[in-house]
Amino acid sequence: MDLRQIRYFIAVAEESNFGLAARRLNISQPPITRQIRKLEEELGVTLLKRTSKGAELTPPGVVFLEDVRRVMAQTTRAAERVKAAQKGEIGRLEIGYFGSVIYSAVPQLLMKFRESNPDVEVGLHRLSKKEQVYALKIGQIHIGFGRYYQKEPGYAVESVVPETLAVAVPISHGKNLKTGTSFDLFKNFPVILFPKSGRPNFADEIIKILKEKGIEPAIAAETEDVRSALTLASLAVGATVVPATVAELNWPGIKFFPLEPVQNNCEVCCLYRRSDTSPLLRSLLSTIRSNS
């Protein structure tokens, strides 16, 4: 039994006539007659009773028609899903992320991606930049998001979205500051840096910017992530510089101020294997590039 025989049978059953079925399928009648006879021999039943007016279904034929209609519908759906998978419109996209990119940049990007790819499932994995490289290598993830990636042979880094900076200060200290605070704040106030690991990283960039401005900051603490840095800032240990999207958080004991524009920003980037031909990855990259 093959799909051609099933198509021929459905056409004759629905038209109740071999000749009409032949015209519907745009073929001659003899092949239809031969294939349906072959199908009946294989099944060991009579599916169609030949009449003077054409053909009518036998009881077994009625049952068979009901089942093969479902088979053909499933086959059509399978073909559609294969084509959609080829275009990156279905499947499961595995994503690694590190740091504050998960607060705004990645969710906004994925919402836009899902607008045109609603059937794609998304898996999120919190991974350091080093872990992302390994996860990409073994195929655990399709793409990683973070900041300040080092160049790796066989891997590509692309900018996703630029981001400005803000400063988080204790509420008690923030009463004396104005909108448009500059880095001069750190001439007299210690800085809390994050993260400790994943060099080069955001902490390195902040130190670089401060030194370019002639500031040798007093380092109050170095923490693992932005949450611990904000917690220490709320305790008046010091102030911390954060990506601007973090300033959208409602963090107790903290007041956020935008920092003066600087040439260096803390852009969100993505990392992926150059050799990865996954349609899902290509589809996401298309969204990223159309957004830049």
C-alpha atoms as a PDB file:
ATOM      1  CA  MET A   1       0.000   0.000   0.000  1.00  0.00           C
ATOM      2  CA  ASP A   2       1.344   3.464  -0.883  1.00  0.00           C
ATOM      3  CA  LEU A   3       0.085   7.046  -0.818  1.00  0.00           C
ATOM      4  CA  ARG A   4      -0.638   7.020  -4.551  1.00  0.00           C
ATOM      5  CA  GLN A   5      -3.054   4.109  -4.167  1.00  0.00           C
ATOM      6  CA  ILE A   6      -4.718   5.846  -1.232  1.00  0.00           C
ATOM      7  CA  ARG A   7      -5.144   9.079  -3.218  1.00  0.00           C
ATOM      8  CA  TYR A   8      -6.673   7.127  -6.116  1.00  0.00           C
ATOM      9  CA  PHE A   9      -9.063   5.293  -3.776  1.00  0.00           C
ATOM     10  CA  ILE A  10     -10.205   8.507  -2.040  1.00  0.00           C
ATOM     11  CA  ALA A  11     -10.843  10.189  -5.390  1.00  0.00           C
ATOM     12  CA  VAL A  12     -12.993   7.310  -6.697  1.00  0.00           C
ATOM     13  CA  ALA A  13     -14.851   7.001  -3.371  1.00  0.00           C
ATOM     14  CA  GLU A  14     -15.661  10.701  -3.306  1.00  0.00           C
ATOM     15  CA  GLU A  15     -16.607  10.934  -6.994  1.00  0.00           C
ATOM     16  CA  SER A  16     -18.369   7.531  -7.055  1.00  0.00           C
ATOM     17  CA  ASN A  17     -16.954   7.158 -10.545  1.00  0.00           C
ATOM     18  CA  PHE A  18     -13.617   6.048 -11.989  1.00  0.00           C
ATOM     19  CA  GLY A  19     -13.817   8.410 -14.949  1.00  0.00           C
ATOM     20  CA  LEU A  20     -14.593  11.459 -12.821  1.00  0.00           C
ATOM     21  CA  ALA A  21     -11.788  10.510 -10.447  1.00  0.00           C
ATOM     22  CA  ALA A  22      -9.396  10.299 -13.413  1.00  0.00           C
ATOM     23  CA  ARG A  23     -10.352  13.800 -14.554  1.00  0.00           C
ATOM     24  CA  ARG A  24     -10.004  15.111 -11.004  1.00  0.00           C
ATOM     25  CA  LEU A  25      -6.495  13.665 -10.742  1.00  0.00           C
ATOM     26  CA  ASN A  26      -5.632  14.665 -14.307  1.00  0.00           C
ATOM     27  CA  ILE A  27      -4.578  11.147 -15.327  1.00  0.00           C
ATOM     28  CA  SER A  28      -6.064   8.414 -17.468  1.00  0.00           C
ATOM     29  CA  GLN A  29      -8.495   5.912 -15.969  1.00  0.00           C
ATOM     30  CA  PRO A  30      -6.594   2.571 -16.444  1.00  0.00           C
ATOM     31  CA  PRO A  31      -3.834   3.383 -13.863  1.00  0.00           C
ATOM     32  CA  ILE A  32      -6.494   4.155 -11.261  1.00  0.00           C
ATOM     33  CA  THR A  33      -8.301   0.888 -11.940  1.00  0.00           C
ATOM     34  CA  ARG A  34      -5.055  -1.112 -11.742  1.00  0.00           C
ATOM     35  CA  GLN A  35      -3.827   0.503  -8.531  1.00  0.00           C
ATOM     36  CA  ILE A  36      -7.134   0.124  -6.691  1.00  0.00           C
ATOM     37  CA  ARG A  37      -7.377  -3.518  -7.765  1.00  0.00           C
ATOM     38  CA  LYS A  38      -3.828  -4.020  -6.497  1.00  0.00           C
ATOM     39  CA  LEU A  39      -4.766  -2.326  -3.222  1.00  0.00           C
ATOM     40  CA  GLU A  40      -7.803  -4.584  -2.767  1.00  0.00           C
ATOM     41  CA  GLU A  41      -5.687  -7.675  -3.457  1.00  0.00           C
ATOM     42  CA  GLU A  42      -3.126  -6.579  -0.891  1.00  0.00           C
ATOM     43  CA  LEU A  43      -5.813  -5.957   1.747  1.00  0.00           C
ATOM     44  CA  GLY A  44      -7.815  -9.037   0.815  1.00  0.00           C
ATOM     45  CA  VAL A  45     -11.107  -7.112   0.707  1.00  0.00           C
ATOM     46  CA  THR A  46     -13.340  -5.435  -1.834  1.00  0.00           C
ATOM     47  CA  LEU A  47     -13.377  -1.702  -1.232  1.00  0.00           C
ATOM     48  CA  LEU A  48     -15.450  -0.546  -4.191  1.00  0.00           C
ATOM     49  CA  LYS A  49     -18.417  -2.214  -5.846  1.00  0.00           C
ATOM     50  CA  ARG A  50     -18.523  -1.499  -9.563  1.00  0.00           C
ATOM     51  CA  THR A  51     -21.974  -0.422 -10.759  1.00  0.00           C
ATOM     52  CA  SER A  52     -23.514   0.665 -14.036  1.00  0.00           C
ATOM     53  CA  LYS A  53     -23.234   4.285 -12.881  1.00  0.00           C
ATOM     54  CA  GLY A  54     -19.673   4.011 -11.600  1.00  0.00           C
ATOM     55  CA  ALA A  55     -18.678   2.737  -8.151  1.00  0.00           C
ATOM     56  CA  GLU A  56     -19.924   2.666  -4.595  1.00  0.00           C
ATOM     57  CA  LEU A  57     -18.233   1.870  -1.313  1.00  0.00           C
ATOM     58  CA  THR A  58     -18.607  -1.538   0.307  1.00  0.00           C
ATOM     59  CA  PRO A  59     -18.882  -1.693   4.135  1.00  0.00           C
ATOM     60  CA  PRO A  60     -15.129  -2.356   4.409  1.00  0.00           C
ATOM     61  CA  GLY A  61     -14.599   0.514   1.955  1.00  0.00           C
ATOM     62  CA  VAL A  62     -16.540   2.912   4.200  1.00  0.00           C
ATOM     63  CA  VAL A  63     -14.304   2.029   7.163  1.00  0.00           C
ATOM     64  CA  PHE A  64     -11.151   2.257   5.047  1.00  0.00           C
ATOM     65  CA  LEU A  65     -12.121   5.672   3.636  1.00  0.00           C
ATOM     66  CA  GLU A  66     -12.574   7.108   7.122  1.00  0.00           C
ATOM     67  CA  ASP A  67      -9.140   5.913   8.231  1.00  0.00           C
ATOM     68  CA  VAL A  68      -7.175   6.869   5.107  1.00  0.00           C
ATOM     69  CA  ARG A  69      -8.622  10.369   5.130  1.00  0.00           C
ATOM     70  CA  ARG A  70      -6.983  10.800   8.540  1.00  0.00           C
ATOM     71  CA  VAL A  71      -3.745   9.300   7.181  1.00  0.00           C
ATOM     72  CA  MET A  72      -3.681  11.757   4.281  1.00  0.00           C
ATOM     73  CA  ALA A  73      -4.443  14.682   6.569  1.00  0.00           C
ATOM     74  CA  GLN A  74      -1.577  13.649   8.858  1.00  0.00           C
ATOM     75  CA  THR A  75       0.717  13.201   5.871  1.00  0.00           C
ATOM     76  CA  THR A  76      -0.132  16.678   4.614  1.00  0.00           C
ATOM     77  CA  ARG A  77       0.458  18.103   8.077  1.00  0.00           C
ATOM     78  CA  ALA A  78       3.797  16.284   8.312  1.00  0.00           C
ATOM     79  CA  ALA A  79       4.884  17.758   4.985  1.00  0.00           C
ATOM     80  CA  GLU A  80       3.896  21.236   6.148  1.00  0.00           C
ATOM     81  CA  ARG A  81       5.812  20.798   9.408  1.00  0.00           C
ATOM     82  CA  VAL A  82       8.927  19.613   7.573  1.00  0.00           C
ATOM     83  CA  LYS A  83       8.837  22.719   5.391  1.00  0.00           C
ATOM     84  CA  ALA A  84       8.260  24.912   8.448  1.00  0.00           C
ATOM     85  CA  ALA A  85      11.195  23.263  10.233  1.00  0.00           C
ATOM     86  CA  GLN A  86      13.376  23.940   7.209  1.00  0.00           C
ATOM     87  CA  LYS A  87      12.453  27.627   7.478  1.00  0.00           C
ATOM     88  CA  GLY A  88      13.062  27.711  11.241  1.00  0.00           C
ATOM     89  CA  GLU A  89       9.378  28.235  12.003  1.00  0.00           C
ATOM     90  CA  ILE A  90       8.957  25.261  14.366  1.00  0.00           C
ATOM     91  CA  GLY A  91      11.163  23.290  16.732  1.00  0.00           C
ATOM     92  CA  ARG A  92      12.896  24.159  20.004  1.00  0.00           C
ATOM     93  CA  LEU A  93      15.428  26.969  20.231  1.00  0.00           C
ATOM     94  CA  GLU A  94      17.928  26.571  23.086  1.00  0.00           C
ATOM     95  CA  ILE A  95      19.385  29.821  24.407  1.00  0.00           C
ATOM     96  CA  GLY A  96      22.145  30.546  26.901  1.00  0.00           C
ATOM     97  CA  TYR A  97      22.354  33.857  28.741  1.00  0.00           C
ATOM     98  CA  PHE A  98      24.580  35.540  31.279  1.00  0.00           C
ATOM     99  CA  GLY A  99      24.023  38.538  33.502  1.00  0.00           C
ATOM    100  CA  SER A 100      21.554  41.388  33.193  1.00  0.00           C
ATOM    101  CA  VAL A 101      20.758  40.726  29.513  1.00  0.00           C
ATOM    102  CA  ILE A 102      17.873  38.577  30.765  1.00  0.00           C
ATOM    103  CA  TYR A 103      16.137  41.611  32.309  1.00  0.00           C
ATOM    104  CA  SER A 104      15.202  43.338  29.078  1.00  0.00           C
ATOM    105  CA  ALA A 105      17.228  42.732  25.916  1.00  0.00           C
ATOM    106  CA  VAL A 106      16.667  38.987  25.573  1.00  0.00           C
ATOM    107  CA  PRO A 107      12.944  39.019  26.493  1.00  0.00           C
ATOM    108  CA  GLN A 108      12.248  41.866  24.050  1.00  0.00           C
ATOM    109  CA  LEU A 109      14.125  40.085  21.276  1.00  0.00           C
ATOM    110  CA  LEU A 110      12.320  36.793  21.883  1.00  0.00           C
ATOM    111  CA  MET A 111       8.921  38.485  21.930  1.00  0.00           C
ATOM    112  CA  LYS A 112       9.649  39.938  18.493  1.00  0.00           C
ATOM    113  CA  PHE A 113      10.922  36.566  17.273  1.00  0.00           C
ATOM    114  CA  ARG A 114       7.789  34.799  18.501  1.00  0.00           C
ATOM    115  CA  GLU A 115       5.556  37.252  16.622  1.00  0.00           C
ATOM    116  CA  SER A 116       6.635  35.648  13.339  1.00  0.00           C
ATOM    117  CA  ASN A 117       7.495  32.218  14.787  1.00  0.00           C
ATOM    118  CA  PRO A 118       4.699  31.415  17.262  1.00  0.00           C
ATOM    119  CA  ASP A 119       5.209  27.642  17.056  1.00  0.00           C
ATOM    120  CA  VAL A 120       8.878  27.684  18.114  1.00  0.00           C
ATOM    121  CA  GLU A 121       9.517  26.557  21.688  1.00  0.00           C
ATOM    122  CA  VAL A 122      12.238  28.377  23.630  1.00  0.00           C
ATOM    123  CA  GLY A 123      14.539  26.915  26.265  1.00  0.00           C
ATOM    124  CA  LEU A 124      16.597  29.256  28.489  1.00  0.00           C
ATOM    125  CA  HIS A 125      19.823  28.273  30.261  1.00  0.00           C
ATOM    126  CA  ARG A 126      21.785  30.486  32.671  1.00  0.00           C
ATOM    127  CA  LEU A 127      25.391  29.879  31.638  1.00  0.00           C
ATOM    128  CA  SER A 128      28.627  31.796  32.109  1.00  0.00           C
ATOM    129  CA  LYS A 129      30.369  32.920  28.927  1.00  0.00           C
ATOM    130  CA  LYS A 130      32.835  30.043  29.224  1.00  0.00           C
ATOM    131  CA  GLU A 131      29.981  27.598  29.747  1.00  0.00           C
ATOM    132  CA  GLN A 132      28.202  29.024  26.708  1.00  0.00           C
ATOM    133  CA  VAL A 133      31.189  28.263  24.489  1.00  0.00           C
ATOM    134  CA  TYR A 134      31.178  24.641  25.643  1.00  0.00           C
ATOM    135  CA  ALA A 135      27.387  24.351  25.370  1.00  0.00           C
ATOM    136  CA  LEU A 136      27.579  25.616  21.785  1.00  0.00           C
ATOM    137  CA  LYS A 137      30.353  23.152  21.021  1.00  0.00           C
ATOM    138  CA  ILE A 138      28.350  20.114  22.191  1.00  0.00           C
ATOM    139  CA  GLY A 139      25.084  21.349  20.707  1.00  0.00           C
ATOM    140  CA  GLN A 140      23.326  22.036  24.018  1.00  0.00           C
ATOM    141  CA  ILE A 141      22.380  25.544  22.895  1.00  0.00           C
ATOM    142  CA  HIS A 142      22.006  27.321  19.550  1.00  0.00           C
ATOM    143  CA  ILE A 143      23.101  30.781  20.727  1.00  0.00           C
ATOM    144  CA  GLY A 144      24.330  32.639  23.790  1.00  0.00           C
ATOM    145  CA  PHE A 145      23.695  36.195  24.985  1.00  0.00           C
ATOM    146  CA  GLY A 146      25.927  38.339  27.179  1.00  0.00           C
ATOM    147  CA  ARG A 147      28.487  41.140  27.022  1.00  0.00           C
ATOM    148  CA  TYR A 148      32.197  41.423  26.255  1.00  0.00           C
ATOM    149  CA  TYR A 149      32.763  38.060  24.594  1.00  0.00           C
ATOM    150  CA  GLN A 150      36.325  37.119  23.736  1.00  0.00           C
ATOM    151  CA  LYS A 151      37.022  36.088  20.157  1.00  0.00           C
ATOM    152  CA  GLU A 152      36.993  32.312  19.772  1.00  0.00           C
ATOM    153  CA  PRO A 153      38.032  30.378  16.641  1.00  0.00           C
ATOM    154  CA  GLY A 154      34.946  29.065  14.867  1.00  0.00           C
ATOM    155  CA  TYR A 155      32.556  31.342  16.770  1.00  0.00           C
ATOM    156  CA  ALA A 156      30.891  34.587  15.718  1.00  0.00           C
ATOM    157  CA  VAL A 157      29.953  37.509  17.944  1.00  0.00           C
ATOM    158  CA  GLU A 158      27.288  39.998  16.849  1.00  0.00           C
ATOM    159  CA  SER A 159      25.882  43.093  18.491  1.00  0.00           C
ATOM    160  CA  VAL A 160      22.238  42.741  19.484  1.00  0.00           C
ATOM    161  CA  VAL A 161      21.444  46.133  21.003  1.00  0.00           C
ATOM    162  CA  PRO A 162      23.494  49.025  22.418  1.00  0.00           C
ATOM    163  CA  GLU A 163      22.837  50.046  25.977  1.00  0.00           C
ATOM    164  CA  THR A 164      23.751  53.080  28.041  1.00  0.00           C
ATOM    165  CA  LEU A 165      24.777  53.150  31.687  1.00  0.00           C
ATOM    166  CA  ALA A 166      23.194  54.143  34.963  1.00  0.00           C
ATOM    167  CA  VAL A 167      24.443  54.397  38.525  1.00  0.00           C
ATOM    168  CA  ALA A 168      22.767  52.847  41.558  1.00  0.00           C
ATOM    169  CA  VAL A 169      23.326  54.674  44.827  1.00  0.00           C
ATOM    170  CA  PRO A 170      21.904  54.300  48.346  1.00  0.00           C
ATOM    171  CA  ILE A 171      18.708  56.313  48.777  1.00  0.00           C
ATOM    172  CA  SER A 172      20.372  58.348  51.530  1.00  0.00           C
ATOM    173  CA  HIS A 173      23.161  59.437  49.176  1.00  0.00           C
ATOM    174  CA  GLY A 174      20.858  59.843  46.198  1.00  0.00           C
ATOM    175  CA  LYS A 175      19.094  62.797  47.795  1.00  0.00           C
ATOM    176  CA  ASN A 176      22.112  64.950  46.981  1.00  0.00           C
ATOM    177  CA  LEU A 177      22.414  63.883  43.323  1.00  0.00           C
ATOM    178  CA  LYS A 178      20.746  65.255  40.223  1.00  0.00           C
ATOM    179  CA  THR A 179      19.652  63.655  36.969  1.00  0.00           C
ATOM    180  CA  GLY A 180      22.571  63.369  34.567  1.00  0.00           C
ATOM    181  CA  THR A 181      25.076  62.248  37.192  1.00  0.00           C
ATOM    182  CA  SER A 182      28.645  61.950  35.916  1.00  0.00           C
ATOM    183  CA  PHE A 183      31.393  59.497  36.755  1.00  0.00           C
ATOM    184  CA  ASP A 184      32.877  62.219  38.982  1.00  0.00           C
ATOM    185  CA  LEU A 185      30.684  60.673  41.673  1.00  0.00           C
ATOM    186  CA  PHE A 186      33.387  58.039  42.131  1.00  0.00           C
ATOM    187  CA  LYS A 187      36.062  60.567  43.002  1.00  0.00           C
ATOM    188  CA  ASN A 188      34.587  60.645  46.501  1.00  0.00           C
ATOM    189  CA  PHE A 189      32.411  57.533  46.633  1.00  0.00           C
ATOM    190  CA  PRO A 190      33.597  53.900  46.409  1.00  0.00           C
ATOM    191  CA  VAL A 191      32.481  51.660  43.570  1.00  0.00           C
ATOM    192  CA  ILE A 192      31.001  48.168  43.781  1.00  0.00           C
ATOM    193  CA  LEU A 193      32.028  46.060  40.801  1.00  0.00           C
ATOM    194  CA  PHE A 194      30.472  43.001  39.201  1.00  0.00           C
ATOM    195  CA  PRO A 195      30.911  40.308  38.043  1.00  0.00           C
ATOM    196  CA  LYS A 196      34.017  38.705  39.449  1.00  0.00           C
ATOM    197  CA  SER A 197      34.371  36.077  36.726  1.00  0.00           C
ATOM    198  CA  GLY A 198      34.208  35.872  32.943  1.00  0.00           C
ATOM    199  CA  ARG A 199      37.057  38.189  32.018  1.00  0.00           C
ATOM    200  CA  PRO A 200      36.941  40.470  30.107  1.00  0.00           C
ATOM    201  CA  ASN A 201      33.692  41.597  31.659  1.00  0.00           C
ATOM    202  CA  PHE A 202      31.501  44.504  32.699  1.00  0.00           C
ATOM    203  CA  ALA A 203      33.667  45.262  35.738  1.00  0.00           C
ATOM    204  CA  ASP A 204      36.740  45.621  33.518  1.00  0.00           C
ATOM    205  CA  GLU A 205      34.880  48.046  31.273  1.00  0.00           C
ATOM    206  CA  ILE A 206      33.797  50.246  34.186  1.00  0.00           C
ATOM    207  CA  ILE A 207      37.352  50.440  35.545  1.00  0.00           C
ATOM    208  CA  LYS A 208      38.578  51.293  32.040  1.00  0.00           C
ATOM    209  CA  ILE A 209      36.032  54.127  31.680  1.00  0.00           C
ATOM    210  CA  LEU A 210      36.876  55.537  35.115  1.00  0.00           C
ATOM    211  CA  LYS A 211      40.606  55.535  34.407  1.00  0.00           C
ATOM    212  CA  GLU A 212      40.044  57.195  31.015  1.00  0.00           C
ATOM    213  CA  LYS A 213      38.319  59.974  32.960  1.00  0.00           C
ATOM    214  CA  GLY A 214      41.286  60.292  35.311  1.00  0.00           C
ATOM    215  CA  ILE A 215      39.522  58.637  38.225  1.00  0.00           C
ATOM    216  CA  GLU A 216      41.268  56.070  40.421  1.00  0.00           C
ATOM    217  CA  PRO A 217      38.238  54.665  42.235  1.00  0.00           C
ATOM    218  CA  ALA A 218      38.185  53.127  45.664  1.00  0.00           C
ATOM    219  CA  ILE A 219      36.783  49.630  45.188  1.00  0.00           C
ATOM    220  CA  ALA A 220      34.317  48.813  47.931  1.00  0.00           C
ATOM    221  CA  ALA A 221      33.581  45.268  46.790  1.00  0.00           C
ATOM    222  CA  GLU A 222      33.583  42.870  43.837  1.00  0.00           C
ATOM    223  CA  THR A 223      30.503  40.680  43.620  1.00  0.00           C
ATOM    224  CA  GLU A 224      29.254  37.804  41.484  1.00  0.00           C
ATOM    225  CA  ASP A 225      26.293  39.542  39.854  1.00  0.00           C
ATOM    226  CA  VAL A 226      24.190  42.689  39.623  1.00  0.00           C
ATOM    227  CA  ARG A 227      21.773  41.543  42.325  1.00  0.00           C
ATOM    228  CA  SER A 228      24.462  41.231  44.972  1.00  0.00           C
ATOM    229  CA  ALA A 229      25.986  44.545  43.827  1.00  0.00           C
ATOM    230  CA  LEU A 230      22.627  46.285  44.245  1.00  0.00           C
ATOM    231  CA  THR A 231      22.151  44.719  47.658  1.00  0.00           C
ATOM    232  CA  LEU A 232      25.512  46.061  48.845  1.00  0.00           C
ATOM    233  CA  ALA A 233      24.701  49.469  47.371  1.00  0.00           C
ATOM    234  CA  SER A 234      21.417  49.541  49.286  1.00  0.00           C
ATOM    235  CA  LEU A 235      23.466  48.999  52.462  1.00  0.00           C
ATOM    236  CA  ALA A 236      25.532  52.113  51.603  1.00  0.00           C
ATOM    237  CA  VAL A 237      28.706  50.101  50.999  1.00  0.00           C
ATOM    238  CA  GLY A 238      29.210  52.090  47.792  1.00  0.00           C
ATOM    239  CA  ALA A 239      27.607  52.830  44.414  1.00  0.00           C
ATOM    240  CA  THR A 240      27.526  50.533  41.419  1.00  0.00           C
ATOM    241  CA  VAL A 241      27.322  51.160  37.686  1.00  0.00           C
ATOM    242  CA  VAL A 242      24.699  49.088  35.879  1.00  0.00           C
ATOM    243  CA  PRO A 243      23.293  48.731  32.364  1.00  0.00           C
ATOM    244  CA  ALA A 244      20.443  51.216  31.906  1.00  0.00           C
ATOM    245  CA  THR A 245      17.779  48.488  31.715  1.00  0.00           C
ATOM    246  CA  VAL A 246      18.607  47.448  35.282  1.00  0.00           C
ATOM    247  CA  ALA A 247      17.488  50.921  36.370  1.00  0.00           C
ATOM    248  CA  GLU A 248      13.952  49.871  35.429  1.00  0.00           C
ATOM    249  CA  LEU A 249      13.944  47.517  38.428  1.00  0.00           C
ATOM    250  CA  ASN A 250      12.268  48.546  41.659  1.00  0.00           C
ATOM    251  CA  TRP A 251      15.108  47.724  44.058  1.00  0.00           C
ATOM    252  CA  PRO A 252      14.637  48.540  47.767  1.00  0.00           C
ATOM    253  CA  GLY A 253      17.007  51.112  49.230  1.00  0.00           C
ATOM    254  CA  ILE A 254      18.336  52.140  45.810  1.00  0.00           C
ATOM    255  CA  LYS A 255      17.969  55.213  43.654  1.00  0.00           C
ATOM    256  CA  PHE A 256      19.038  55.051  40.007  1.00  0.00           C
ATOM    257  CA  PHE A 257      20.466  57.892  37.943  1.00  0.00           C
ATOM    258  CA  PRO A 258      21.451  57.905  34.264  1.00  0.00           C
ATOM    259  CA  LEU A 259      25.156  58.482  33.701  1.00  0.00           C
ATOM    260  CA  GLU A 260      26.489  61.024  31.261  1.00  0.00           C
ATOM    261  CA  PRO A 261      26.888  59.615  27.721  1.00  0.00           C
ATOM    262  CA  VAL A 262      30.165  57.813  27.170  1.00  0.00           C
ATOM    263  CA  GLN A 263      31.724  56.469  24.007  1.00  0.00           C
ATOM    264  CA  ASN A 264      31.953  53.023  25.564  1.00  0.00           C
ATOM    265  CA  ASN A 265      28.579  51.392  26.035  1.00  0.00           C
ATOM    266  CA  CYS A 266      27.644  48.026  27.428  1.00  0.00           C
ATOM    267  CA  GLU A 267      26.041  46.560  24.314  1.00  0.00           C
ATOM    268  CA  VAL A 268      24.339  43.211  24.466  1.00  0.00           C
ATOM    269  CA  CYS A 269      25.936  40.672  22.125  1.00  0.00           C
ATOM    270  CA  CYS A 270      25.231  37.151  20.924  1.00  0.00           C
ATOM    271  CA  LEU A 271      27.609  34.259  20.380  1.00  0.00           C
ATOM    272  CA  TYR A 272      27.083  31.317  18.025  1.00  0.00           C
ATOM    273  CA  ARG A 273      29.015  28.734  16.000  1.00  0.00           C
ATOM    274  CA  ARG A 274      29.789  29.894  12.458  1.00  0.00           C
ATOM    275  CA  SER A 275      29.267  26.350  11.165  1.00  0.00           C
ATOM    276  CA  ASP A 276      25.790  25.978  12.670  1.00  0.00           C
ATOM    277  CA  THR A 277      23.295  25.766   9.794  1.00  0.00           C
ATOM    278  CA  SER A 278      20.239  25.292  12.020  1.00  0.00           C
ATOM    279  CA  PRO A 279      17.180  26.986  10.464  1.00  0.00           C
ATOM    280  CA  LEU A 280      16.101  27.999  13.982  1.00  0.00           C
ATOM    281  CA  LEU A 281      19.374  29.848  14.559  1.00  0.00           C
ATOM    282  CA  ARG A 282      19.234  31.500  11.136  1.00  0.00           C
ATOM    283  CA  SER A 283      15.689  32.633  11.796  1.00  0.00           C
ATOM    284  CA  LEU A 284      16.648  34.188  15.151  1.00  0.00           C
ATOM    285  CA  LEU A 285      19.694  35.870  13.636  1.00  0.00           C
ATOM    286  CA  SER A 286      17.432  37.369  10.980  1.00  0.00           C
ATOM    287  CA  THR A 287      15.301  38.878  13.756  1.00  0.00           C
ATOM    288  CA  ILE A 288      18.410  40.211  15.519  1.00  0.00           C
ATOM    289  CA  ARG A 289      19.744  41.845  12.346  1.00  0.00           C
ATOM    290  CA  SER A 290      16.418  43.394  11.437  1.00  0.00           C
ATOM    291  CA  ASN A 291      16.331  44.906  14.906  1.00  0.00           C
ATOM    292  CA  SER A 292      19.749  46.547  14.680  1.00  0.00           C
END
